[in-house]
Amino acid sequence: MSTNQSDRAVTKEQSRKKHKQAKKQEKQAAKSKRLTSADQTKGQVSRKQLKEEKKLLNPYRRVIPIWLRLIIVFSLSALALVLGLMIGYGILGDGAPLDALKKETWQHIIDIVNKKE
């Protein structure tokens, strides 16, 4: 690594540290501003100040909410199950792929498994 590259790495690291320090100071300033307000007691904090502090503490917002993620995962799982049944029964098992979704097919399979001799 040349001296020029090492100098760049050092300056990048220093700028990251400065950025982190500035963020930490902003958070502390917002918190102290909220707590040291002269016209409010410790338990009486305005909603506006809470929103501002929350924005500073957590600036990111989820693009896809968790409940929607769960619905997507369950839907994709069900789709994979159906496609797997159709591929296994239709292509690997030499049957009609749509027959894997019929109740009569599954009843026949259950009868074979539970067959008494």
N, C-alpha and C. Protein backbone atom coordinates (compact mmCIF):
# COMPACT_ATOMS: atom_id res chain seq x y z
N MET A 1 0.85 -1.16 0.00
CA MET A 1 0.00 0.00 0.00
C MET A 1 0.90 1.23 0.00
N SER A 2 0.67 2.15 -0.90
CA SER A 2 1.49 3.34 -0.98
C SER A 2 1.09 4.34 0.11
N THR A 3 1.92 5.34 0.30
CA THR A 3 1.65 6.34 1.34
C THR A 3 0.39 7.14 1.00
N ASN A 4 0.14 7.35 -0.29
CA ASN A 4 -1.05 8.10 -0.71
C ASN A 4 -2.32 7.33 -0.35
N GLN A 5 -2.30 6.03 -0.57
CA GLN A 5 -3.47 5.21 -0.24
C GLN A 5 -3.66 5.12 1.26
N SER A 6 -2.57 5.00 2.00
CA SER A 6 -2.69 4.93 3.46
C SER A 6 -3.20 6.25 4.02
N ASP A 7 -2.78 7.36 3.41
CA ASP A 7 -3.27 8.68 3.84
C ASP A 7 -4.77 8.78 3.60
N ARG A 8 -5.24 8.28 2.46
CA ARG A 8 -6.68 8.29 2.16
C ARG A 8 -7.46 7.45 3.16
N ALA A 9 -6.92 6.28 3.50
CA ALA A 9 -7.59 5.40 4.45
C ALA A 9 -7.69 6.08 5.82
N VAL A 10 -6.63 6.76 6.21
CA VAL A 10 -6.63 7.45 7.50
C VAL A 10 -7.65 8.58 7.49
N THR A 11 -7.71 9.34 6.40
CA THR A 11 -8.65 10.46 6.34
C THR A 11 -10.09 9.95 6.30
N LYS A 12 -10.35 8.84 5.63
CA LYS A 12 -11.70 8.27 5.63
C LYS A 12 -12.10 7.85 7.03
N GLU A 13 -11.17 7.23 7.74
CA GLU A 13 -11.46 6.79 9.10
C GLU A 13 -11.71 7.99 10.01
N GLN A 14 -10.93 9.04 9.84
CA GLN A 14 -11.13 10.24 10.64
C GLN A 14 -12.48 10.89 10.34
N SER A 15 -12.86 10.93 9.08
CA SER A 15 -14.14 11.54 8.73
C SER A 15 -15.30 10.71 9.27
N ARG A 16 -15.16 9.39 9.29
CA ARG A 16 -16.20 8.54 9.88
C ARG A 16 -16.34 8.82 11.38
N LYS A 17 -15.20 8.94 12.05
CA LYS A 17 -15.24 9.23 13.49
C LYS A 17 -15.89 10.59 13.75
N LYS A 18 -15.56 11.58 12.95
CA LYS A 18 -16.16 12.90 13.12
C LYS A 18 -17.66 12.85 12.89
N HIS A 19 -18.08 12.10 11.89
CA HIS A 19 -19.51 11.97 11.59
C HIS A 19 -20.25 11.31 12.75
N LYS A 20 -19.67 10.24 13.29
CA LYS A 20 -20.28 9.56 14.43
C LYS A 20 -20.37 10.48 15.63
N GLN A 21 -19.30 11.26 15.86
CA GLN A 21 -19.28 12.19 16.98
C GLN A 21 -20.36 13.25 16.82
N ALA A 22 -20.52 13.76 15.61
CA ALA A 22 -21.53 14.79 15.36
C ALA A 22 -22.94 14.23 15.59
N LYS A 23 -23.20 13.02 15.15
CA LYS A 23 -24.51 12.40 15.37
C LYS A 23 -24.78 12.23 16.86
N LYS A 24 -23.76 11.78 17.59
CA LYS A 24 -23.91 11.57 19.03
C LYS A 24 -24.20 12.90 19.73
N GLN A 25 -23.53 13.95 19.31
CA GLN A 25 -23.76 15.26 19.91
C GLN A 25 -25.16 15.77 19.60
N GLU A 26 -25.67 15.52 18.38
CA GLU A 26 -27.03 15.92 18.03
C GLU A 26 -28.05 15.21 18.92
N LYS A 27 -27.85 13.93 19.13
CA LYS A 27 -28.77 13.17 19.97
C LYS A 27 -28.75 13.69 21.40
N GLN A 28 -27.55 13.95 21.92
CA GLN A 28 -27.44 14.45 23.29
C GLN A 28 -28.06 15.83 23.41
N ALA A 29 -27.86 16.67 22.40
CA ALA A 29 -28.42 18.02 22.44
C ALA A 29 -29.95 17.97 22.43
N ALA A 30 -30.51 17.09 21.60
CA ALA A 30 -31.97 16.97 21.55
C ALA A 30 -32.52 16.47 22.87
N LYS A 31 -31.84 15.51 23.47
CA LYS A 31 -32.29 14.96 24.74
C LYS A 31 -32.19 16.00 25.86
N SER A 32 -31.08 16.72 25.91
CA SER A 32 -30.91 17.72 26.96
C SER A 32 -31.88 18.88 26.75
N LYS A 33 -32.16 19.24 25.52
CA LYS A 33 -33.12 20.30 25.21
C LYS A 33 -34.49 19.92 25.74
N ARG A 34 -34.87 18.69 25.56
CA ARG A 34 -36.18 18.21 25.99
C ARG A 34 -36.26 18.22 27.52
N LEU A 35 -35.20 17.77 28.16
CA LEU A 35 -35.24 17.62 29.61
C LEU A 35 -35.01 18.93 30.36
N THR A 36 -34.30 19.90 29.75
CA THR A 36 -33.98 21.13 30.46
C THR A 36 -34.88 22.29 30.08
N SER A 37 -35.96 22.03 29.39
CA SER A 37 -36.88 23.09 29.02
C SER A 37 -37.43 23.74 30.29
N ALA A 38 -37.38 25.08 30.37
CA ALA A 38 -37.74 25.79 31.60
C ALA A 38 -39.24 25.75 31.87
N ASP A 39 -40.06 25.75 30.84
CA ASP A 39 -41.50 25.82 31.05
C ASP A 39 -42.15 24.45 31.21
N GLN A 40 -41.38 23.39 31.14
CA GLN A 40 -41.95 22.05 31.26
C GLN A 40 -41.22 21.28 32.35
N THR A 41 -42.00 20.48 33.05
CA THR A 41 -41.36 19.60 34.04
C THR A 41 -40.90 18.35 33.33
N LYS A 42 -40.26 17.46 34.06
CA LYS A 42 -39.71 16.25 33.47
C LYS A 42 -40.79 15.37 32.85
N GLY A 43 -41.97 15.33 33.43
CA GLY A 43 -43.04 14.46 32.93
C GLY A 43 -43.89 15.09 31.85
N GLN A 44 -43.73 16.38 31.60
CA GLN A 44 -44.56 17.07 30.61
C GLN A 44 -43.72 17.44 29.40
N VAL A 45 -43.68 16.55 28.45
CA VAL A 45 -42.89 16.77 27.24
C VAL A 45 -43.85 16.87 26.08
N SER A 46 -43.65 17.86 25.22
CA SER A 46 -44.57 18.04 24.10
C SER A 46 -44.37 16.94 23.06
N ARG A 47 -45.42 16.68 22.35
CA ARG A 47 -45.37 15.65 21.31
C ARG A 47 -44.40 16.04 20.19
N LYS A 48 -44.34 17.32 19.91
CA LYS A 48 -43.45 17.79 18.86
C LYS A 48 -41.99 17.48 19.20
N GLN A 49 -41.61 17.71 20.45
CA GLN A 49 -40.24 17.43 20.86
C GLN A 49 -39.96 15.94 20.83
N LEU A 50 -40.94 15.12 21.21
CA LEU A 50 -40.75 13.67 21.15
C LEU A 50 -40.56 13.20 19.72
N LYS A 51 -41.33 13.76 18.78
CA LYS A 51 -41.19 13.39 17.37
C LYS A 51 -39.81 13.78 16.84
N GLU A 52 -39.36 14.97 17.21
CA GLU A 52 -38.04 15.42 16.76
C GLU A 52 -36.94 14.50 17.29
N GLU A 53 -37.05 14.14 18.56
CA GLU A 53 -36.05 13.26 19.15
C GLU A 53 -36.10 11.88 18.52
N LYS A 54 -37.30 11.40 18.25
CA LYS A 54 -37.44 10.08 17.64
C LYS A 54 -36.82 10.07 16.23
N LYS A 55 -37.00 11.15 15.49
CA LYS A 55 -36.39 11.24 14.16
C LYS A 55 -34.88 11.19 14.24
N LEU A 56 -34.32 11.84 15.25
CA LEU A 56 -32.88 11.83 15.40
C LEU A 56 -32.37 10.45 15.82
N LEU A 57 -33.12 9.79 16.69
CA LEU A 57 -32.66 8.49 17.18
C LEU A 57 -32.83 7.40 16.15
N ASN A 58 -33.91 7.42 15.39
CA ASN A 58 -34.18 6.35 14.42
C ASN A 58 -34.65 6.97 13.11
N PRO A 59 -33.73 7.37 12.25
CA PRO A 59 -34.13 8.06 11.03
C PRO A 59 -34.66 7.14 9.94
N TYR A 60 -34.53 5.81 10.08
CA TYR A 60 -34.92 4.90 9.03
C TYR A 60 -36.36 4.43 9.22
N ARG A 61 -37.04 4.19 8.10
CA ARG A 61 -38.40 3.69 8.14
C ARG A 61 -38.46 2.46 7.25
N ARG A 62 -39.20 1.45 7.69
CA ARG A 62 -39.30 0.21 6.92
C ARG A 62 -40.06 0.47 5.62
N VAL A 63 -39.53 -0.06 4.54
CA VAL A 63 -40.20 0.07 3.25
C VAL A 63 -41.38 -0.88 3.19
N ILE A 64 -41.17 -2.11 3.66
CA ILE A 64 -42.23 -3.10 3.70
C ILE A 64 -42.51 -3.43 5.17
N PRO A 65 -43.73 -3.15 5.65
CA PRO A 65 -44.04 -3.44 7.06
C PRO A 65 -43.94 -4.93 7.38
N ILE A 66 -43.76 -5.24 8.64
CA ILE A 66 -43.56 -6.62 9.07
C ILE A 66 -44.77 -7.47 8.75
N TRP A 67 -45.99 -6.94 8.97
CA TRP A 67 -47.20 -7.73 8.71
C TRP A 67 -47.30 -8.08 7.24
N LEU A 68 -46.87 -7.17 6.35
CA LEU A 68 -46.89 -7.46 4.92
C LEU A 68 -45.82 -8.48 4.55
N ARG A 69 -44.68 -8.41 5.22
CA ARG A 69 -43.63 -9.41 5.00
C ARG A 69 -44.11 -10.81 5.35
N LEU A 70 -44.83 -10.91 6.48
CA LEU A 70 -45.36 -12.22 6.88
C LEU A 70 -46.35 -12.75 5.84
N ILE A 71 -47.21 -11.90 5.35
CA ILE A 71 -48.18 -12.33 4.33
C ILE A 71 -47.44 -12.79 3.08
N ILE A 72 -46.43 -12.06 2.68
CA ILE A 72 -45.66 -12.42 1.48
C ILE A 72 -44.97 -13.76 1.68
N VAL A 73 -44.36 -13.98 2.85
CA VAL A 73 -43.64 -15.23 3.11
C VAL A 73 -44.62 -16.41 3.09
N PHE A 74 -45.77 -16.27 3.75
CA PHE A 74 -46.74 -17.36 3.77
C PHE A 74 -47.30 -17.63 2.38
N SER A 75 -47.55 -16.58 1.61
CA SER A 75 -48.06 -16.75 0.25
C SER A 75 -47.04 -17.47 -0.64
N LEU A 76 -45.80 -17.06 -0.54
CA LEU A 76 -44.76 -17.70 -1.34
C LEU A 76 -44.55 -19.16 -0.92
N SER A 77 -44.68 -19.43 0.38
CA SER A 77 -44.56 -20.81 0.86
C SER A 77 -45.68 -21.68 0.32
N ALA A 78 -46.90 -21.16 0.35
CA ALA A 78 -48.05 -21.92 -0.19
C ALA A 78 -47.87 -22.15 -1.69
N LEU A 79 -47.42 -21.14 -2.41
CA LEU A 79 -47.19 -21.28 -3.84
C LEU A 79 -46.12 -22.34 -4.12
N ALA A 80 -45.04 -22.34 -3.33
CA ALA A 80 -43.98 -23.33 -3.51
C ALA A 80 -44.51 -24.74 -3.24
N LEU A 81 -45.37 -24.88 -2.24
CA LEU A 81 -45.96 -26.18 -1.93
C LEU A 81 -46.81 -26.69 -3.09
N VAL A 82 -47.66 -25.82 -3.62
CA VAL A 82 -48.52 -26.22 -4.73
C VAL A 82 -47.69 -26.57 -5.96
N LEU A 83 -46.71 -25.74 -6.28
CA LEU A 83 -45.86 -26.03 -7.44
C LEU A 83 -45.08 -27.33 -7.24
N GLY A 84 -44.61 -27.57 -6.03
CA GLY A 84 -43.89 -28.81 -5.75
C GLY A 84 -44.78 -30.02 -5.90
N LEU A 85 -46.02 -29.92 -5.44
CA LEU A 85 -46.98 -31.02 -5.62
C LEU A 85 -47.21 -31.30 -7.10
N MET A 86 -47.42 -30.23 -7.85
CA MET A 86 -47.72 -30.40 -9.28
C MET A 86 -46.53 -30.98 -10.03
N ILE A 87 -45.33 -30.51 -9.72
CA ILE A 87 -44.14 -31.02 -10.38
C ILE A 87 -43.90 -32.48 -9.99
N GLY A 88 -44.00 -32.76 -8.69
CA GLY A 88 -43.77 -34.12 -8.23
C GLY A 88 -44.78 -35.11 -8.78
N TYR A 89 -46.05 -34.75 -8.78
CA TYR A 89 -47.10 -35.67 -9.24
C TYR A 89 -47.17 -35.72 -10.77
N GLY A 90 -47.03 -34.57 -11.40
CA GLY A 90 -47.21 -34.51 -12.86
C GLY A 90 -45.98 -34.89 -13.65
N ILE A 91 -44.85 -34.37 -13.30
CA ILE A 91 -43.65 -34.59 -14.11
C ILE A 91 -42.89 -35.83 -13.64
N LEU A 92 -42.61 -35.90 -12.35
CA LEU A 92 -41.86 -37.04 -11.83
C LEU A 92 -42.72 -38.30 -11.74
N GLY A 93 -44.01 -38.12 -11.48
CA GLY A 93 -44.89 -39.27 -11.28
C GLY A 93 -45.70 -39.65 -12.51
N ASP A 94 -45.48 -39.04 -13.62
CA ASP A 94 -46.16 -39.34 -14.88
C ASP A 94 -47.68 -39.23 -14.78
N GLY A 95 -48.19 -38.28 -14.03
CA GLY A 95 -49.63 -38.03 -13.95
C GLY A 95 -49.91 -36.65 -14.51
N ALA A 96 -51.16 -36.27 -14.48
CA ALA A 96 -51.52 -34.91 -14.90
C ALA A 96 -51.23 -33.94 -13.76
N PRO A 97 -50.52 -32.88 -14.01
CA PRO A 97 -50.13 -31.97 -12.93
C PRO A 97 -51.31 -31.41 -12.14
N LEU A 98 -52.42 -31.12 -12.79
CA LEU A 98 -53.56 -30.55 -12.08
C LEU A 98 -54.29 -31.59 -11.23
N ASP A 99 -54.03 -32.87 -11.49
CA ASP A 99 -54.65 -33.91 -10.67
C ASP A 99 -54.11 -33.89 -9.24
N ALA A 100 -52.93 -33.32 -9.04
CA ALA A 100 -52.35 -33.25 -7.70
C ALA A 100 -53.16 -32.34 -6.78
N LEU A 101 -54.00 -31.49 -7.36
CA LEU A 101 -54.78 -30.55 -6.56
C LEU A 101 -56.20 -31.06 -6.29
N LYS A 102 -56.55 -32.21 -6.83
CA LYS A 102 -57.91 -32.73 -6.66
C LYS A 102 -58.02 -33.55 -5.38
N LYS A 103 -59.17 -33.45 -4.75
CA LYS A 103 -59.42 -34.17 -3.50
C LYS A 103 -59.44 -35.68 -3.74
N GLU A 104 -59.96 -36.14 -4.87
CA GLU A 104 -60.05 -37.57 -5.16
C GLU A 104 -58.68 -38.22 -5.21
N THR A 105 -57.71 -37.50 -5.74
CA THR A 105 -56.34 -38.03 -5.81
C THR A 105 -55.79 -38.28 -4.41
N TRP A 106 -55.97 -37.34 -3.53
CA TRP A 106 -55.47 -37.47 -2.17
C TRP A 106 -56.24 -38.53 -1.39
N GLN A 107 -57.52 -38.65 -1.66
CA GLN A 107 -58.30 -39.71 -1.00
C GLN A 107 -57.79 -41.08 -1.45
N HIS A 108 -57.47 -41.22 -2.74
CA HIS A 108 -56.92 -42.48 -3.27
C HIS A 108 -55.58 -42.80 -2.61
N ILE A 109 -54.72 -41.78 -2.46
CA ILE A 109 -53.41 -41.98 -1.82
C ILE A 109 -53.60 -42.41 -0.36
N ILE A 110 -54.52 -41.80 0.35
CA ILE A 110 -54.78 -42.15 1.74
C ILE A 110 -55.30 -43.58 1.83
N ASP A 111 -56.17 -43.96 0.89
CA ASP A 111 -56.70 -45.33 0.89
C ASP A 111 -55.59 -46.35 0.67
N ILE A 112 -54.65 -46.03 -0.20
CA ILE A 112 -53.53 -46.95 -0.46
C ILE A 112 -52.66 -47.08 0.79
N VAL A 113 -52.39 -45.95 1.46
CA VAL A 113 -51.54 -45.97 2.65
C VAL A 113 -52.23 -46.74 3.79
N ASN A 114 -53.51 -46.57 3.96
CA ASN A 114 -54.24 -47.20 5.05
C ASN A 114 -54.83 -48.56 4.66
N LYS A 115 -54.41 -49.11 3.54
CA LYS A 115 -54.95 -50.37 3.05
C LYS A 115 -54.68 -51.50 4.05
N LYS A 116 -55.75 -52.24 4.34
CA LYS A 116 -55.63 -53.38 5.25
C LYS A 116 -55.68 -54.65 4.42
N GLU A 117 -54.79 -55.57 4.70
CA GLU A 117 -54.77 -56.82 3.95
C GLU A 117 -55.41 -57.93 4.72
